[in-house]
Amino acid sequence: MSATAAAGPVSDAGAALATDASGAPAAGARCDNCGAVVSGRYCAACGQRREPPVHSLWHFTKASAEDLTHADSRLWRTLGALLFRPGYLTREFLAGRRARYLPPVRLYLVISVLFFLWASATHNQPIVIQVTEPDHGPSHAAVTPFDEDIFGKRLPGESAEQHAERVCSSGVNYDGPWRARIQPAAHRACVRVVLDKGRSLPEVFLHNVPRAMFLFLPLLAGAMMLMYWRPRHYYVEHLLLFVHNHAFVFLLLLLAGLASALLPPLSGWISAAVTLYVAWYAYRSMRVVYGQGRVLTLGKLALLSFFYLVSGSLMLALVSVYSVFTL
């Protein structure tokens, strides 16, 4: 009895590494991580890959190369399908074939974070639209760079705070609804912008846009649900399509931005190609997922594009106002 007990740990360790002649785990093999019985290369309980706990240098190097190239081939398979097969990932997910691809929300979050980090690092200098309304004649608008001179020069002996108060006292005058609440908040925001010379405003805006997208995508899915009322589709189907399509757009813009930085003479051609490809991609993804005819799909795409333009412009305007007020 004692001999059997003493040999128990050795038997378990041997079983964990034992394989038959074909290379499959032997009966009774157990996972080193959770102890569950393993019948394949991966543990069905925790997902850990079955391999010897002690590696040679060659084994370690080979496993590392596999991890970087094709062990997690879901990444490359997902990115390839996302870029070149419109609607394919959405259709595969809805059909239940999900293990081979990255989860949609994780894919969207990772790509959107990379895109907005790149946008924050490479954003252009903001511009200011100055509108003048003379007593007689039409109004005039001028576009000027957002630099330090936009707020005027400080007077002799005037502090930065006094300069900001002077500029905002004459430049911010809101007479619309809820003036008692909005006017003081607008004045405080103006003072912060003048003191900061507007440097932090683009960063705050780009920080808030990804948050707004979490409200914008469900809104688009709701509009799509109205357009595809018959035959009936679940709301999540539309939301999933927009998650994949926006992940595609962020990834394509990121790659196009890198290509334009490396090949500045071709930046115009790259922008035109991206615009055409995004339009075709949206049309093709709707055809693949919903299976309707060309004319009907084009009509719905045109309607969706109009709604996207109007609601997207409203969203960006609200984000801009929110960014100013939360500096």
Protein backbone atom coordinates (compact mmCIF):
# COMPACT_ATOMS: atom_id res chain seq x y z
CA MET A 1 0.00 0.00 0.00
CA SER A 2 2.81 2.37 0.92
CA ALA A 3 4.75 1.48 -2.23
CA THR A 4 1.72 2.32 -4.33
CA ALA A 5 1.26 5.64 -2.58
CA ALA A 6 4.90 6.53 -3.00
CA ALA A 7 4.76 5.79 -6.69
CA GLY A 8 1.58 7.81 -7.17
CA PRO A 9 3.17 11.22 -7.94
CA VAL A 10 5.64 9.62 -10.32
CA SER A 11 2.83 7.81 -12.12
CA ASP A 12 0.82 11.04 -12.42
CA ALA A 13 3.81 12.93 -13.81
CA GLY A 14 4.50 10.17 -16.27
CA ALA A 15 0.87 10.08 -17.34
CA ALA A 16 0.89 13.83 -17.90
CA LEU A 17 3.64 13.46 -20.49
CA ALA A 18 2.81 10.06 -21.90
CA THR A 19 1.75 9.69 -25.50
CA ASP A 20 0.95 6.76 -27.68
CA ALA A 21 2.73 5.85 -30.89
CA SER A 22 0.67 8.30 -32.92
CA GLY A 23 1.70 11.26 -30.72
CA ALA A 24 -1.73 11.63 -29.02
CA PRO A 25 -1.91 11.79 -25.22
CA ALA A 26 -2.12 8.41 -23.55
CA ALA A 27 -5.23 7.44 -21.62
CA GLY A 28 -5.19 9.04 -18.18
CA ALA A 29 -2.92 11.94 -19.14
CA ARG A 30 -3.62 15.00 -17.00
CA CYS A 31 -3.20 18.74 -17.43
CA ASP A 32 -0.30 20.21 -15.44
CA ASN A 33 -2.31 23.39 -14.84
CA CYS A 34 -5.68 22.16 -13.57
CA GLY A 35 -5.32 18.39 -13.30
CA ALA A 36 -8.15 17.56 -15.69
CA VAL A 37 -7.87 14.56 -17.99
CA VAL A 38 -6.45 15.59 -21.39
CA SER A 39 -7.54 13.85 -24.57
CA GLY A 40 -5.88 16.14 -27.10
CA ARG A 41 -3.13 18.68 -27.47
CA TYR A 42 -5.05 21.25 -25.42
CA CYS A 43 -6.84 20.87 -22.09
CA ALA A 44 -10.61 21.00 -22.51
CA ALA A 45 -11.04 22.50 -19.02
CA CYS A 46 -8.56 25.41 -18.98
CA GLY A 47 -7.21 25.54 -22.55
CA GLN A 48 -3.53 25.13 -21.67
CA ARG A 49 -1.37 23.41 -24.29
CA ARG A 50 0.10 20.06 -23.28
CA GLU A 51 3.90 20.12 -23.40
CA PRO A 52 6.87 19.07 -21.24
CA PRO A 53 7.44 21.49 -18.34
CA VAL A 54 11.21 21.62 -18.93
CA HIS A 55 12.37 22.99 -22.31
CA SER A 56 15.66 22.74 -24.10
CA LEU A 57 16.94 25.97 -25.65
CA TRP A 58 15.93 24.73 -29.12
CA HIS A 59 12.44 23.80 -27.90
CA PHE A 60 12.02 27.19 -26.23
CA THR A 61 13.20 29.03 -29.37
CA LYS A 62 10.88 27.02 -31.61
CA ALA A 63 7.88 27.58 -29.32
CA SER A 64 8.58 31.32 -29.15
CA ALA A 65 8.79 31.58 -32.94
CA GLU A 66 5.53 29.65 -33.21
CA ASP A 67 3.82 31.98 -30.76
CA LEU A 68 4.93 35.02 -32.79
CA THR A 69 4.01 33.65 -36.20
CA HIS A 70 1.20 31.15 -36.28
CA ALA A 71 0.48 29.61 -32.89
CA ASP A 72 -2.15 32.27 -32.34
CA SER A 73 -3.03 32.29 -36.01
CA ARG A 74 -6.42 33.75 -35.10
CA LEU A 75 -4.81 37.20 -35.21
CA TRP A 76 -3.55 36.94 -38.79
CA ARG A 77 -6.61 35.05 -39.97
CA THR A 78 -8.88 37.71 -38.44
CA LEU A 79 -6.94 40.69 -39.80
CA GLY A 80 -6.78 39.17 -43.28
CA ALA A 81 -10.52 38.55 -43.35
CA LEU A 82 -11.22 41.98 -41.86
CA LEU A 83 -9.25 43.79 -44.56
CA PHE A 84 -10.13 41.78 -47.66
CA ARG A 85 -13.39 39.89 -47.04
CA PRO A 86 -16.25 42.32 -46.28
CA GLY A 87 -18.95 40.89 -44.04
CA TYR A 88 -17.17 37.54 -43.73
CA LEU A 89 -16.32 37.80 -40.03
CA THR A 90 -19.85 38.87 -39.18
CA ARG A 91 -21.34 35.98 -41.14
CA GLU A 92 -18.93 33.49 -39.57
CA PHE A 93 -19.73 34.73 -36.06
CA LEU A 94 -23.48 34.50 -36.65
CA ALA A 95 -23.04 30.98 -38.05
CA GLY A 96 -21.30 29.90 -34.83
CA ARG A 97 -17.80 29.52 -36.34
CA ARG A 98 -16.04 31.72 -33.79
CA ALA A 99 -13.03 29.84 -32.39
CA ARG A 100 -10.84 30.61 -35.40
CA TYR A 101 -11.19 34.40 -35.08
CA LEU A 102 -10.66 37.07 -32.46
CA PRO A 103 -13.82 38.14 -30.58
CA PRO A 104 -15.44 41.17 -32.28
CA VAL A 105 -15.44 43.52 -29.29
CA ARG A 106 -11.83 42.75 -28.39
CA LEU A 107 -10.83 43.23 -32.02
CA TYR A 108 -12.59 46.60 -32.18
CA LEU A 109 -11.14 47.82 -28.87
CA VAL A 110 -7.55 46.92 -29.74
CA ILE A 111 -7.66 48.44 -33.24
CA SER A 112 -9.50 51.59 -32.10
CA VAL A 113 -7.00 52.16 -29.29
CA LEU A 114 -4.09 51.83 -31.74
CA PHE A 115 -5.81 54.14 -34.22
CA PHE A 116 -6.56 56.92 -31.73
CA LEU A 117 -3.08 56.67 -30.21
CA TRP A 118 -1.67 57.17 -33.69
CA ALA A 119 -4.12 60.01 -34.36
CA SER A 120 -3.10 61.72 -31.10
CA ALA A 121 0.58 61.45 -32.01
CA THR A 122 0.16 62.73 -35.57
CA HIS A 123 -2.79 65.16 -35.40
CA ASN A 124 -2.46 68.38 -37.36
CA GLN A 125 -2.61 71.85 -35.90
CA PRO A 126 -6.25 72.82 -35.25
CA ILE A 127 -7.86 75.67 -37.14
CA VAL A 128 -10.25 78.40 -36.08
CA ILE A 129 -13.23 79.65 -38.09
CA GLN A 130 -13.80 83.32 -37.31
CA VAL A 131 -17.22 84.65 -38.22
CA THR A 132 -17.89 88.39 -38.29
CA GLU A 133 -21.36 89.88 -38.53
CA PRO A 134 -21.22 93.54 -39.56
CA ASP A 135 -24.16 95.86 -39.00
CA HIS A 136 -24.62 96.14 -42.75
CA GLY A 137 -23.88 93.55 -45.38
CA PRO A 138 -23.34 89.79 -45.30
CA SER A 139 -21.40 87.91 -42.67
CA HIS A 140 -17.83 86.88 -43.34
CA ALA A 141 -15.96 83.75 -42.26
CA ALA A 142 -12.21 83.27 -42.22
CA VAL A 143 -10.15 80.17 -41.45
CA THR A 144 -6.95 80.83 -39.50
CA PRO A 145 -4.41 78.58 -37.78
CA PHE A 146 -4.93 78.01 -34.09
CA ASP A 147 -1.80 79.68 -32.72
CA GLU A 148 -0.96 81.89 -29.78
CA ASP A 149 -1.72 85.11 -31.68
CA ILE A 150 -5.34 84.11 -32.16
CA PHE A 151 -6.14 85.49 -28.70
CA GLY A 152 -4.30 88.77 -29.19
CA LYS A 153 -1.29 90.19 -27.42
CA ARG A 154 -1.06 90.78 -23.69
CA LEU A 155 -1.08 94.42 -22.62
CA PRO A 156 1.93 95.83 -20.77
CA GLY A 157 1.86 94.71 -17.13
CA GLU A 158 -1.05 92.34 -17.77
CA SER A 159 -0.82 88.84 -16.30
CA ALA A 160 -1.82 85.71 -18.19
CA GLU A 161 -4.96 85.36 -16.06
CA GLN A 162 -5.94 88.98 -16.63
CA HIS A 163 -5.38 88.59 -20.37
CA ALA A 164 -7.59 85.47 -20.44
CA GLU A 165 -10.35 87.23 -18.48
CA ARG A 166 -10.24 90.22 -20.84
CA VAL A 167 -10.39 88.08 -23.96
CA CYS A 168 -13.22 85.89 -22.69
CA SER A 169 -15.27 88.74 -21.24
CA SER A 170 -15.58 90.30 -24.67
CA GLY A 171 -15.48 87.12 -26.74
CA VAL A 172 -17.96 84.87 -24.95
CA ASN A 173 -21.53 86.13 -24.81
CA TYR A 174 -24.21 83.44 -24.88
CA ASP A 175 -27.84 84.65 -25.06
CA GLY A 176 -29.63 81.36 -25.78
CA PRO A 177 -31.65 79.00 -23.56
CA TRP A 178 -30.34 78.20 -20.06
CA ARG A 179 -28.05 81.23 -20.19
CA ALA A 180 -27.66 81.29 -16.40
CA ARG A 181 -25.97 77.88 -16.52
CA ILE A 182 -24.21 77.92 -19.88
CA GLN A 183 -22.70 81.42 -19.86
CA PRO A 184 -20.54 80.95 -16.70
CA ALA A 185 -19.43 77.49 -17.86
CA ALA A 186 -18.56 78.83 -21.31
CA HIS A 187 -16.58 81.67 -19.75
CA ARG A 188 -14.58 79.28 -17.54
CA ALA A 189 -13.88 77.03 -20.52
CA CYS A 190 -12.72 80.03 -22.57
CA VAL A 191 -10.33 81.08 -19.82
CA ARG A 192 -8.81 77.61 -19.68
CA VAL A 193 -8.37 77.52 -23.46
CA VAL A 194 -6.67 80.95 -23.53
CA LEU A 195 -4.36 80.12 -20.62
CA ASP A 196 -3.43 76.81 -22.25
CA LYS A 197 -3.13 78.41 -25.73
CA GLY A 198 -5.44 75.65 -26.96
CA ARG A 199 -2.72 72.99 -26.74
CA SER A 200 -4.72 70.41 -24.79
CA LEU A 201 -7.99 70.80 -26.71
CA PRO A 202 -7.12 68.39 -29.58
CA GLU A 203 -5.91 65.76 -27.09
CA VAL A 204 -9.09 66.00 -25.04
CA PHE A 205 -11.20 65.79 -28.20
CA LEU A 206 -9.40 62.65 -29.43
CA HIS A 207 -9.75 61.19 -25.95
CA ASN A 208 -13.51 61.69 -25.97
CA VAL A 209 -14.26 60.47 -29.51
CA PRO A 210 -13.73 56.74 -28.70
CA ARG A 211 -16.16 57.07 -25.80
CA ALA A 212 -18.74 58.67 -28.04
CA MET A 213 -18.38 55.79 -30.51
CA PHE A 214 -19.82 53.43 -27.90
CA LEU A 215 -23.04 55.43 -28.12
CA PHE A 216 -22.80 56.05 -31.85
CA LEU A 217 -22.52 52.41 -32.95
CA PRO A 218 -25.69 51.26 -31.12
CA LEU A 219 -27.52 54.23 -32.67
CA LEU A 220 -26.42 53.13 -36.14
CA ALA A 221 -27.49 49.57 -35.40
CA GLY A 222 -30.94 50.85 -34.45
CA ALA A 223 -31.23 52.71 -37.77
CA MET A 224 -30.12 49.59 -39.62
CA MET A 225 -32.77 47.55 -37.82
CA LEU A 226 -35.45 49.84 -39.23
CA MET A 227 -34.13 49.33 -42.76
CA TYR A 228 -34.00 45.54 -42.41
CA TRP A 229 -37.34 45.01 -40.73
CA ARG A 230 -38.35 42.30 -43.23
CA PRO A 231 -37.02 39.66 -43.09
CA ARG A 232 -36.53 40.21 -39.39
CA HIS A 233 -32.99 40.39 -38.00
CA TYR A 234 -31.82 40.62 -34.42
CA TYR A 235 -30.45 43.95 -33.21
CA VAL A 236 -27.13 42.29 -32.31
CA GLU A 237 -26.62 41.24 -35.93
CA HIS A 238 -26.59 44.89 -37.04
CA LEU A 239 -24.42 45.94 -34.11
CA LEU A 240 -21.93 43.19 -34.89
CA LEU A 241 -21.68 44.34 -38.52
CA PHE A 242 -20.92 47.91 -37.44
CA VAL A 243 -18.33 46.72 -34.91
CA HIS A 244 -16.49 44.79 -37.61
CA ASN A 245 -16.84 47.53 -40.23
CA HIS A 246 -15.57 50.26 -37.92
CA ALA A 247 -12.66 48.07 -36.86
CA PHE A 248 -11.89 47.70 -40.58
CA VAL A 249 -12.04 51.47 -41.16
CA PHE A 250 -9.73 52.21 -38.22
CA LEU A 251 -7.25 49.57 -39.37
CA LEU A 252 -7.34 50.77 -42.98
CA LEU A 253 -6.86 54.42 -41.97
CA LEU A 254 -3.97 53.42 -39.74
CA LEU A 255 -2.27 51.51 -42.57
CA ALA A 256 -3.01 54.31 -45.05
CA GLY A 257 -1.54 56.87 -42.66
CA LEU A 258 1.64 54.86 -42.33
CA ALA A 259 1.83 54.41 -46.10
CA SER A 260 1.34 58.15 -46.68
CA ALA A 261 4.07 58.95 -44.16
CA LEU A 262 6.47 56.61 -45.96
CA LEU A 263 5.40 57.73 -49.48
CA PRO A 264 4.36 61.42 -49.28
CA PRO A 265 4.10 61.90 -53.09
CA LEU A 266 1.42 59.19 -53.21
CA SER A 267 -0.67 60.47 -50.29
CA GLY A 268 -3.37 61.87 -52.59
CA TRP A 269 -3.71 58.59 -54.47
CA ILE A 270 -3.78 56.67 -51.19
CA SER A 271 -6.59 58.86 -49.84
CA ALA A 272 -8.64 58.40 -53.00
CA ALA A 273 -8.11 54.63 -52.96
CA VAL A 274 -9.12 54.43 -49.30
CA THR A 275 -12.33 56.40 -49.93
CA LEU A 276 -13.38 54.15 -52.82
CA TYR A 277 -12.45 50.98 -50.98
CA VAL A 278 -14.41 51.94 -47.85
CA ALA A 279 -17.51 52.67 -49.97
CA TRP A 280 -17.23 49.34 -51.79
CA TYR A 281 -16.50 47.51 -48.53
CA ALA A 282 -19.65 48.88 -46.86
CA TYR A 283 -21.79 47.85 -49.85
CA ARG A 284 -20.24 44.40 -50.11
CA SER A 285 -20.50 43.68 -46.36
CA MET A 286 -24.24 44.44 -46.44
CA ARG A 287 -24.67 42.12 -49.41
CA VAL A 288 -22.76 39.29 -47.71
CA VAL A 289 -24.51 39.55 -44.34
CA TYR A 290 -28.07 40.25 -45.46
CA GLY A 291 -28.09 38.62 -48.91
CA GLN A 292 -30.34 41.17 -50.62
CA GLY A 293 -30.10 42.35 -54.24
CA ARG A 294 -27.73 44.96 -55.61
CA VAL A 295 -30.26 47.74 -56.21
CA LEU A 296 -31.96 47.32 -52.84
CA THR A 297 -28.61 47.19 -51.05
CA LEU A 298 -27.39 50.32 -52.83
CA GLY A 299 -30.55 52.17 -51.87
CA LYS A 300 -30.19 51.18 -48.23
CA LEU A 301 -26.50 52.09 -48.29
CA ALA A 302 -27.35 55.56 -49.61
CA LEU A 303 -29.94 56.03 -46.86
CA LEU A 304 -27.53 54.75 -44.24
CA SER A 305 -24.78 57.06 -45.52
CA PHE A 306 -27.05 60.09 -45.19
CA PHE A 307 -28.01 59.10 -41.64
CA TYR A 308 -24.36 58.41 -40.84
CA LEU A 309 -23.30 61.85 -42.11
CA VAL A 310 -25.98 63.73 -40.18
CA SER A 311 -25.66 61.79 -36.91
CA GLY A 312 -21.86 61.66 -37.17
CA SER A 313 -21.64 65.44 -37.62
CA LEU A 314 -23.94 65.94 -34.65
CA MET A 315 -21.86 63.54 -32.57
CA LEU A 316 -18.61 65.34 -33.40
CA ALA A 317 -20.18 68.70 -32.61
CA LEU A 318 -21.38 67.45 -29.22
CA VAL A 319 -17.98 65.90 -28.51
CA SER A 320 -16.31 69.20 -29.39
CA VAL A 321 -18.55 71.14 -27.01
CA TYR A 322 -18.12 68.53 -24.28
CA SER A 323 -14.34 68.59 -24.76
CA VAL A 324 -14.24 72.37 -24.35
CA PHE A 325 -16.38 72.31 -21.23
CA THR A 326 -14.36 69.51 -19.60
CA LEU A 327 -10.85 70.84 -20.21
